[in-house]
């Protein structure tokens, strides 16, 4: 098979174990692509003046996976040159500095992969049923994404 015949693949995973940038980026490497773009969302130690201890994520897993597959299909329609897409999201406890989400996209040129990665994270936050709980020193708060369509009916 020559490199032009490589079949595009989507890699989707929701898991409670630590996410690996190396593992996810390796999935999308292709000999016919000159670009691999990554988005890594990590847990930060603060939010609006409060000290964040950790994040906790929950998901409606089957529906979340279905919505992520839709995102991948949408990317392939908007950017037909995209080769491989990987979208991994962590569930459960995510300590400070660790990755909550890793998205990787490969394409022949950088513009398509950069645009596709941006589209993936923005659409994931708006449509995928994954919920985040921020744990502070003396309280917690369930966070809604400002992009989320079901909390903002005008979107």
Protein backbone atom coordinates (compact mmCIF):
# COMPACT_ATOMS: atom_id res chain seq x y z
CA UNK A 1 0.00 0.00 0.00
CA UNK A 2 1.44 3.41 -0.85
CA UNK A 3 1.15 6.22 1.68
CA UNK A 4 -1.75 7.84 -0.21
CA UNK A 5 -3.90 4.77 0.44
CA UNK A 6 -3.64 4.84 4.23
CA UNK A 7 -7.17 4.59 5.66
CA UNK A 8 -8.19 7.53 7.88
CA UNK A 9 -8.90 6.46 11.47
CA UNK A 10 -10.66 7.94 14.49
CA UNK A 11 -9.49 7.04 17.98
CA UNK A 12 -11.95 7.83 20.77
CA UNK A 13 -11.46 6.97 24.42
CA UNK A 14 -12.98 7.97 27.74
CA UNK A 15 -10.88 6.55 30.57
CA UNK A 16 -10.10 6.98 34.25
CA UNK A 17 -6.35 6.38 33.89
CA UNK A 18 -3.81 9.15 33.29
CA UNK A 19 -3.73 10.38 29.68
CA UNK A 20 -0.49 10.32 27.69
CA UNK A 21 0.34 12.97 25.08
CA UNK A 22 2.88 10.58 23.53
CA UNK A 23 0.32 7.76 23.24
CA UNK A 24 -2.33 9.98 21.66
CA UNK A 25 0.02 11.74 19.24
CA UNK A 26 1.51 8.39 18.11
CA UNK A 27 -1.98 7.26 17.05
CA UNK A 28 -2.32 9.99 14.43
CA UNK A 29 1.17 10.03 12.90
CA UNK A 30 1.07 9.27 9.19
CA UNK A 31 3.79 9.18 6.52
CA UNK A 32 1.59 11.26 4.20
CA UNK A 33 1.08 14.05 6.73
CA UNK A 34 3.35 16.98 7.47
CA UNK A 35 1.27 18.28 10.36
CA UNK A 36 0.17 16.88 13.68
CA UNK A 37 -1.72 19.35 15.87
CA UNK A 38 -2.47 18.78 19.54
CA UNK A 39 -4.69 20.31 22.17
CA UNK A 40 -4.03 19.33 25.77
CA UNK A 41 -6.39 20.61 28.44
CA UNK A 42 -4.90 20.37 31.94
CA UNK A 43 -6.14 20.96 35.47
CA UNK A 44 -5.03 24.35 36.77
CA UNK A 45 -4.67 25.20 40.44
CA UNK A 46 -6.99 28.23 40.49
CA UNK A 47 -10.33 29.55 39.31
CA UNK A 48 -11.62 33.07 39.97
CA UNK A 49 -9.41 33.53 43.04
CA UNK A 50 -10.18 30.10 44.52
CA UNK A 51 -7.56 27.42 45.06
CA UNK A 52 -8.49 24.34 43.00
CA UNK A 53 -7.43 21.03 44.60
CA UNK A 54 -8.52 18.72 41.75
CA UNK A 55 -11.16 18.18 39.08
CA UNK A 56 -13.59 15.28 38.82
CA UNK A 57 -15.31 14.33 35.57
CA UNK A 58 -18.43 12.27 34.94
CA UNK A 59 -19.93 11.33 31.59
CA UNK A 60 -22.87 9.67 29.97
CA UNK A 61 -20.33 7.41 28.28
CA UNK A 62 -22.30 5.87 25.41
CA UNK A 63 -23.81 9.20 24.44
CA UNK A 64 -20.46 10.99 24.83
CA UNK A 65 -18.77 8.50 22.50
CA UNK A 66 -21.58 8.90 19.98
CA UNK A 67 -21.25 12.70 20.06
CA UNK A 68 -17.46 12.49 19.65
CA UNK A 69 -17.95 10.26 16.60
CA UNK A 70 -20.23 12.98 15.16
CA UNK A 71 -17.47 15.54 15.73
CA UNK A 72 -15.03 13.34 13.81
CA UNK A 73 -17.49 12.99 10.91
CA UNK A 74 -18.01 16.75 10.88
CA UNK A 75 -14.24 17.36 10.80
CA UNK A 76 -13.89 15.03 7.81
CA UNK A 77 -16.61 16.94 5.94
CA UNK A 78 -15.11 20.36 6.69
CA UNK A 79 -11.45 19.34 6.21
CA UNK A 80 -11.35 16.35 3.80
CA UNK A 81 -7.54 16.20 3.89
CA UNK A 82 -7.49 15.31 7.63
CA UNK A 83 -6.01 11.84 8.01
CA UNK A 84 -6.35 10.68 11.63
CA UNK A 85 -8.21 12.08 14.65
CA UNK A 86 -7.74 11.10 18.30
CA UNK A 87 -9.97 12.43 21.06
CA UNK A 88 -9.26 11.18 24.59
CA UNK A 89 -10.99 12.47 27.72
CA UNK A 90 -10.27 11.52 31.28
CA UNK A 91 -13.02 10.59 33.72
CA UNK A 92 -12.89 10.55 37.50
CA UNK A 93 -10.28 12.46 39.48
CA UNK A 94 -7.78 14.61 37.57
CA UNK A 95 -5.03 16.13 39.75
CA UNK A 96 -3.46 19.55 39.16
CA UNK A 97 -1.25 19.69 36.00
CA UNK A 98 -2.58 16.41 34.58
CA UNK A 99 -4.46 16.24 31.27
CA UNK A 100 -8.25 16.14 31.23
CA UNK A 101 -8.49 16.03 27.45
CA UNK A 102 -6.07 15.39 24.60
CA UNK A 103 -7.04 15.92 20.97
CA UNK A 104 -4.68 15.15 18.08
CA UNK A 105 -5.25 15.60 14.34
CA UNK A 106 -2.94 14.84 11.43
CA UNK A 107 -3.17 16.31 7.94
CA UNK A 108 -0.84 17.02 5.03
CA UNK A 109 -0.60 20.72 5.96
CA UNK A 110 -0.82 22.65 9.25
CA UNK A 111 -3.81 24.88 8.55
CA UNK A 112 -6.28 21.99 8.34
CA UNK A 113 -4.99 20.21 11.44
CA UNK A 114 -4.92 23.41 13.53
CA UNK A 115 -8.45 24.39 12.46
CA UNK A 116 -9.72 20.85 13.03
CA UNK A 117 -8.25 20.64 16.56
CA UNK A 118 -9.87 23.97 17.47
CA UNK A 119 -13.20 22.77 16.08
CA UNK A 120 -12.90 19.48 18.02
CA UNK A 121 -12.35 21.05 21.45
CA UNK A 122 -14.96 23.77 20.96
CA UNK A 123 -17.57 21.29 19.75
CA UNK A 124 -16.71 18.76 22.47
CA UNK A 125 -17.27 21.42 25.15
CA UNK A 126 -20.57 22.47 23.54
CA UNK A 127 -22.19 19.10 22.82
CA UNK A 128 -20.57 16.15 24.59
CA UNK A 129 -22.21 15.10 27.89
CA UNK A 130 -19.15 15.27 30.14
CA UNK A 131 -19.51 17.14 33.42
CA UNK A 132 -16.75 18.76 35.48
CA UNK A 133 -16.70 19.25 39.23
CA UNK A 134 -14.09 21.64 40.62
CA UNK A 135 -12.94 20.75 44.12
CA UNK A 136 -11.66 23.72 46.16
CA UNK A 137 -10.13 23.78 49.65
CA UNK A 138 -13.48 24.04 51.46
CA UNK A 139 -16.18 23.60 48.81
CA UNK A 140 -16.88 22.29 45.33
CA UNK A 141 -18.72 23.48 42.25
CA UNK A 142 -20.19 21.70 39.23
CA UNK A 143 -19.03 23.72 36.24
CA UNK A 144 -20.92 24.23 33.02
CA UNK A 145 -19.11 25.07 29.84
CA UNK A 146 -20.10 28.48 28.54
CA UNK A 147 -20.18 26.84 25.09
CA UNK A 148 -22.64 24.14 26.20
CA UNK A 149 -25.81 24.35 24.10
CA UNK A 150 -28.19 22.93 26.72
CA UNK A 151 -27.28 25.60 29.29
CA UNK A 152 -27.47 28.48 26.79
CA UNK A 153 -30.55 28.05 24.53
CA UNK A 154 -29.56 31.08 22.42
CA UNK A 155 -26.52 29.24 20.99
